[in-house]
Amino acid sequence: MLIAALCLNILILCPVVAGLLTNSIAMTKAFGPVTDARLILTAVYAAIALASVVLILAHATQLTWAVPATVGLFALQISYKLFTVALVGL
């Protein structure tokens, strides 16, 4: 189940990051014009996608730290989304 969730991270984040980097019309409507804040968000999304790839490889090779690291990544993702709701009011 953890690997499936990591794959979902990648499937969702790759097109989002690509759209943000290419400054597509849809992304500009959703995220606004390119600003430092939007670029930081792009970097965070790219880092989550990269971490997901690394964690899938860690699970595939049965590294002992793969499960706790995956749980940590998911905890961070949930936390930043909850903080966003609280701070931005979305």
C-alpha atoms as a PDB file:
ATOM      1  CA  MET A   1       0.000   0.000   0.000  1.00  0.00           C
ATOM      2  CA  LEU A   2       2.865   2.399   0.735  1.00  0.00           C
ATOM      3  CA  ILE A   3       4.377   1.806  -2.697  1.00  0.00           C
ATOM      4  CA  ALA A   4       0.992   2.455  -4.331  1.00  0.00           C
ATOM      5  CA  ALA A   5       0.724   5.759  -2.462  1.00  0.00           C
ATOM      6  CA  LEU A   6       4.247   6.720  -3.534  1.00  0.00           C
ATOM      7  CA  CYS A   7       3.361   5.890  -7.148  1.00  0.00           C
ATOM      8  CA  LEU A   8       0.280   8.090  -6.810  1.00  0.00           C
ATOM      9  CA  ASN A   9       2.512  10.915  -5.586  1.00  0.00           C
ATOM     10  CA  ILE A  10       4.583  10.607  -8.749  1.00  0.00           C
ATOM     11  CA  LEU A  11       1.584  10.299 -11.069  1.00  0.00           C
ATOM     12  CA  ILE A  12       0.041  13.448  -9.618  1.00  0.00           C
ATOM     13  CA  LEU A  13       3.159  15.543  -9.125  1.00  0.00           C
ATOM     14  CA  CYS A  14       4.961  15.004 -12.436  1.00  0.00           C
ATOM     15  CA  PRO A  15       2.311  16.737 -14.578  1.00  0.00           C
ATOM     16  CA  VAL A  16       1.831  19.433 -11.924  1.00  0.00           C
ATOM     17  CA  VAL A  17       5.555  20.202 -11.780  1.00  0.00           C
ATOM     18  CA  ALA A  18       5.803  20.113 -15.582  1.00  0.00           C
ATOM     19  CA  GLY A  19       2.882  22.513 -15.856  1.00  0.00           C
ATOM     20  CA  LEU A  20       4.370  24.869 -13.290  1.00  0.00           C
ATOM     21  CA  LEU A  21       7.777  24.824 -14.977  1.00  0.00           C
ATOM     22  CA  THR A  22       6.327  25.462 -18.445  1.00  0.00           C
ATOM     23  CA  ASN A  23       4.019  28.181 -17.107  1.00  0.00           C
ATOM     24  CA  SER A  24       0.956  26.698 -18.785  1.00  0.00           C
ATOM     25  CA  ILE A  25      -2.244  28.719 -18.904  1.00  0.00           C
ATOM     26  CA  ALA A  26      -4.006  26.231 -16.630  1.00  0.00           C
ATOM     27  CA  MET A  27      -1.267  26.516 -14.002  1.00  0.00           C
ATOM     28  CA  THR A  28      -1.292  30.300 -14.182  1.00  0.00           C
ATOM     29  CA  LYS A  29      -5.045  30.252 -13.572  1.00  0.00           C
ATOM     30  CA  ALA A  30      -4.658  27.847 -10.657  1.00  0.00           C
ATOM     31  CA  PHE A  31      -1.437  29.148  -9.056  1.00  0.00           C
ATOM     32  CA  GLY A  32      -1.201  32.727 -10.338  1.00  0.00           C
ATOM     33  CA  PRO A  33       1.718  34.295 -12.166  1.00  0.00           C
ATOM     34  CA  VAL A  34       5.285  33.131 -11.691  1.00  0.00           C
ATOM     35  CA  THR A  35       6.589  34.473  -8.384  1.00  0.00           C
ATOM     36  CA  ASP A  36       9.278  33.393  -5.956  1.00  0.00           C
ATOM     37  CA  ALA A  37       6.586  31.745  -3.829  1.00  0.00           C
ATOM     38  CA  ARG A  38       5.287  29.751  -6.800  1.00  0.00           C
ATOM     39  CA  LEU A  39       8.830  28.634  -7.663  1.00  0.00           C
ATOM     40  CA  ILE A  40       9.369  27.523  -4.056  1.00  0.00           C
ATOM     41  CA  LEU A  41       6.136  25.515  -4.258  1.00  0.00           C
ATOM     42  CA  THR A  42       7.366  23.972  -7.518  1.00  0.00           C
ATOM     43  CA  ALA A  43      10.607  22.998  -5.787  1.00  0.00           C
ATOM     44  CA  VAL A  44       8.697  21.424  -2.880  1.00  0.00           C
ATOM     45  CA  TYR A  45       6.523  19.404  -5.278  1.00  0.00           C
ATOM     46  CA  ALA A  46       9.584  18.295  -7.271  1.00  0.00           C
ATOM     47  CA  ALA A  47      11.355  17.261  -4.050  1.00  0.00           C
ATOM     48  CA  ILE A  48       8.344  15.203  -2.953  1.00  0.00           C
ATOM     49  CA  ALA A  49       8.250  13.480  -6.355  1.00  0.00           C
ATOM     50  CA  LEU A  50      11.982  12.745  -6.225  1.00  0.00           C
ATOM     51  CA  ALA A  51      11.730  11.461  -2.655  1.00  0.00           C
ATOM     52  CA  SER A  52       8.883   9.205  -3.762  1.00  0.00           C
ATOM     53  CA  VAL A  53      11.058   7.692  -6.512  1.00  0.00           C
ATOM     54  CA  VAL A  54      13.915   7.123  -4.067  1.00  0.00           C
ATOM     55  CA  LEU A  55      11.556   5.551  -1.536  1.00  0.00           C
ATOM     56  CA  ILE A  56      10.085   3.184  -4.132  1.00  0.00           C
ATOM     57  CA  LEU A  57      13.628   2.026  -4.898  1.00  0.00           C
ATOM     58  CA  ALA A  58      14.325   1.688  -1.170  1.00  0.00           C
ATOM     59  CA  HIS A  59      11.222  -0.472  -0.731  1.00  0.00           C
ATOM     60  CA  ALA A  60      12.152  -2.559  -3.779  1.00  0.00           C
ATOM     61  CA  THR A  61      15.552  -3.332  -2.267  1.00  0.00           C
ATOM     62  CA  GLN A  62      13.993  -3.891   1.175  1.00  0.00           C
ATOM     63  CA  LEU A  63      16.049  -1.270   2.957  1.00  0.00           C
ATOM     64  CA  THR A  64      15.159  -1.099   6.632  1.00  0.00           C
ATOM     65  CA  TRP A  65      14.585   2.656   6.641  1.00  0.00           C
ATOM     66  CA  ALA A  66      12.094   2.645   3.733  1.00  0.00           C
ATOM     67  CA  VAL A  67       8.906   2.299   5.792  1.00  0.00           C
ATOM     68  CA  PRO A  68       9.722   4.935   8.448  1.00  0.00           C
ATOM     69  CA  ALA A  69      10.960   7.339   5.771  1.00  0.00           C
ATOM     70  CA  THR A  70       7.771   6.853   3.757  1.00  0.00           C
ATOM     71  CA  VAL A  71       5.635   7.490   6.826  1.00  0.00           C
ATOM     72  CA  GLY A  72       7.710  10.610   7.498  1.00  0.00           C
ATOM     73  CA  LEU A  73       7.178  11.880   3.946  1.00  0.00           C
ATOM     74  CA  PHE A  74       3.426  11.323   4.191  1.00  0.00           C
ATOM     75  CA  ALA A  75       3.322  13.049   7.586  1.00  0.00           C
ATOM     76  CA  LEU A  76       5.058  16.094   6.090  1.00  0.00           C
ATOM     77  CA  GLN A  77       2.660  16.141   3.147  1.00  0.00           C
ATOM     78  CA  ILE A  78      -0.374  15.987   5.415  1.00  0.00           C
ATOM     79  CA  SER A  79       1.093  18.627   7.745  1.00  0.00           C
ATOM     80  CA  TYR A  80       1.861  21.185   5.053  1.00  0.00           C
ATOM     81  CA  LYS A  81      -1.612  20.757   3.549  1.00  0.00           C
ATOM     82  CA  LEU A  82      -3.269  21.244   6.950  1.00  0.00           C
ATOM     83  CA  PHE A  83      -1.091  24.291   7.648  1.00  0.00           C
ATOM     84  CA  THR A  84      -2.026  25.687   4.246  1.00  0.00           C
ATOM     85  CA  VAL A  85      -5.711  25.381   5.080  1.00  0.00           C
ATOM     86  CA  ALA A  86      -5.170  27.077   8.429  1.00  0.00           C
ATOM     87  CA  LEU A  87      -2.963  29.892   7.094  1.00  0.00           C
ATOM     88  CA  VAL A  88      -4.509  30.585   3.705  1.00  0.00           C
ATOM     89  CA  GLY A  89      -8.037  29.513   4.488  1.00  0.00           C
ATOM     90  CA  LEU A  90      -8.556  27.277   1.466  1.00  0.00           C
END
